[in-house]
Amino acid sequence: MPSIAGGCATATGDFCDVARPLRPSVQDTVTLETVAQVVAHNRYGREHCGWTP
């Protein structure tokens, strides 16, 4: 799943090498769609990379 934050840098390696769990702060204003994307990203990381809370 792509990151919800875009950028110009090109990353090499697989998802587990370059991605990290997303943890919005209390100052972030998020929509339901953003929450769904964060949950999907973190679920994928938990299932495929062994991320833990």
C-alpha atoms as a PDB file:
ATOM      1  CA  MET A   1       0.000   0.000   0.000  1.00  0.00           C
ATOM      2  CA  PRO A   2       1.376   3.418  -0.854  1.00  0.00           C
ATOM      3  CA  SER A   3       2.135   5.937   1.838  1.00  0.00           C
ATOM      4  CA  ILE A   4      -0.451   8.634   2.489  1.00  0.00           C
ATOM      5  CA  ALA A   5       2.316  11.229   2.372  1.00  0.00           C
ATOM      6  CA  GLY A   6       3.819  11.824  -1.059  1.00  0.00           C
ATOM      7  CA  GLY A   7       7.366  12.827  -1.813  1.00  0.00           C
ATOM      8  CA  CYS A   8       9.984  13.196  -4.483  1.00  0.00           C
ATOM      9  CA  ALA A   9      12.507  10.718  -3.130  1.00  0.00           C
ATOM     10  CA  THR A  10      12.830   7.277  -4.665  1.00  0.00           C
ATOM     11  CA  ALA A  11      13.075   4.431  -2.182  1.00  0.00           C
ATOM     12  CA  THR A  12      14.695   1.111  -2.898  1.00  0.00           C
ATOM     13  CA  GLY A  13      14.042  -2.115  -1.064  1.00  0.00           C
ATOM     14  CA  ASP A  14      10.849  -3.880  -0.132  1.00  0.00           C
ATOM     15  CA  PHE A  15       8.025  -2.444   1.955  1.00  0.00           C
ATOM     16  CA  CYS A  16       9.339  -3.834   5.239  1.00  0.00           C
ATOM     17  CA  ASP A  17      12.752  -2.245   4.638  1.00  0.00           C
ATOM     18  CA  VAL A  18      11.491   1.262   3.918  1.00  0.00           C
ATOM     19  CA  ALA A  19       8.081   1.675   5.600  1.00  0.00           C
ATOM     20  CA  ARG A  20       7.293   2.369   9.231  1.00  0.00           C
ATOM     21  CA  PRO A  21       4.002   2.339  11.158  1.00  0.00           C
ATOM     22  CA  LEU A  22       1.961   5.502  10.818  1.00  0.00           C
ATOM     23  CA  ARG A  23       1.075   7.134  14.130  1.00  0.00           C
ATOM     24  CA  PRO A  24      -0.878  10.370  13.749  1.00  0.00           C
ATOM     25  CA  SER A  25      -0.451  12.843  16.589  1.00  0.00           C
ATOM     26  CA  VAL A  26      -3.312  14.433  18.505  1.00  0.00           C
ATOM     27  CA  GLN A  27      -2.660  17.673  16.589  1.00  0.00           C
ATOM     28  CA  ASP A  28      -3.401  15.987  13.240  1.00  0.00           C
ATOM     29  CA  THR A  29      -6.768  16.631  11.649  1.00  0.00           C
ATOM     30  CA  VAL A  30      -7.769  13.507   9.774  1.00  0.00           C
ATOM     31  CA  THR A  31     -10.740  12.395   7.724  1.00  0.00           C
ATOM     32  CA  LEU A  32     -12.377   8.992   7.858  1.00  0.00           C
ATOM     33  CA  GLU A  33     -10.588   8.164   4.597  1.00  0.00           C
ATOM     34  CA  THR A  34      -7.223   9.047   6.150  1.00  0.00           C
ATOM     35  CA  VAL A  35      -7.989   6.876   9.179  1.00  0.00           C
ATOM     36  CA  ALA A  36      -8.888   3.985   6.849  1.00  0.00           C
ATOM     37  CA  GLN A  37      -5.587   4.425   4.965  1.00  0.00           C
ATOM     38  CA  VAL A  38      -3.547   4.522   8.183  1.00  0.00           C
ATOM     39  CA  VAL A  39      -5.296   1.393   9.492  1.00  0.00           C
ATOM     40  CA  ALA A  40      -4.737  -0.446   6.194  1.00  0.00           C
ATOM     41  CA  HIS A  41      -1.052   0.587   6.085  1.00  0.00           C
ATOM     42  CA  ASN A  42      -0.434  -0.494   9.666  1.00  0.00           C
ATOM     43  CA  ARG A  43      -2.378  -3.745   9.254  1.00  0.00           C
ATOM     44  CA  TYR A  44      -0.289  -4.637   6.205  1.00  0.00           C
ATOM     45  CA  GLY A  45       2.899  -3.907   8.165  1.00  0.00           C
ATOM     46  CA  ARG A  46       1.734  -5.999  11.092  1.00  0.00           C
ATOM     47  CA  GLU A  47       0.846  -8.951   8.860  1.00  0.00           C
ATOM     48  CA  HIS A  48       3.852  -8.820   6.514  1.00  0.00           C
ATOM     49  CA  CYS A  49       6.623  -7.201   8.554  1.00  0.00           C
ATOM     50  CA  GLY A  50       5.799  -8.239  12.112  1.00  0.00           C
ATOM     51  CA  TRP A  51       5.124  -4.701  13.379  1.00  0.00           C
ATOM     52  CA  THR A  52       3.760  -4.516  16.897  1.00  0.00           C
ATOM     53  CA  PRO A  53       2.052  -1.590  18.624  1.00  0.00           C
END
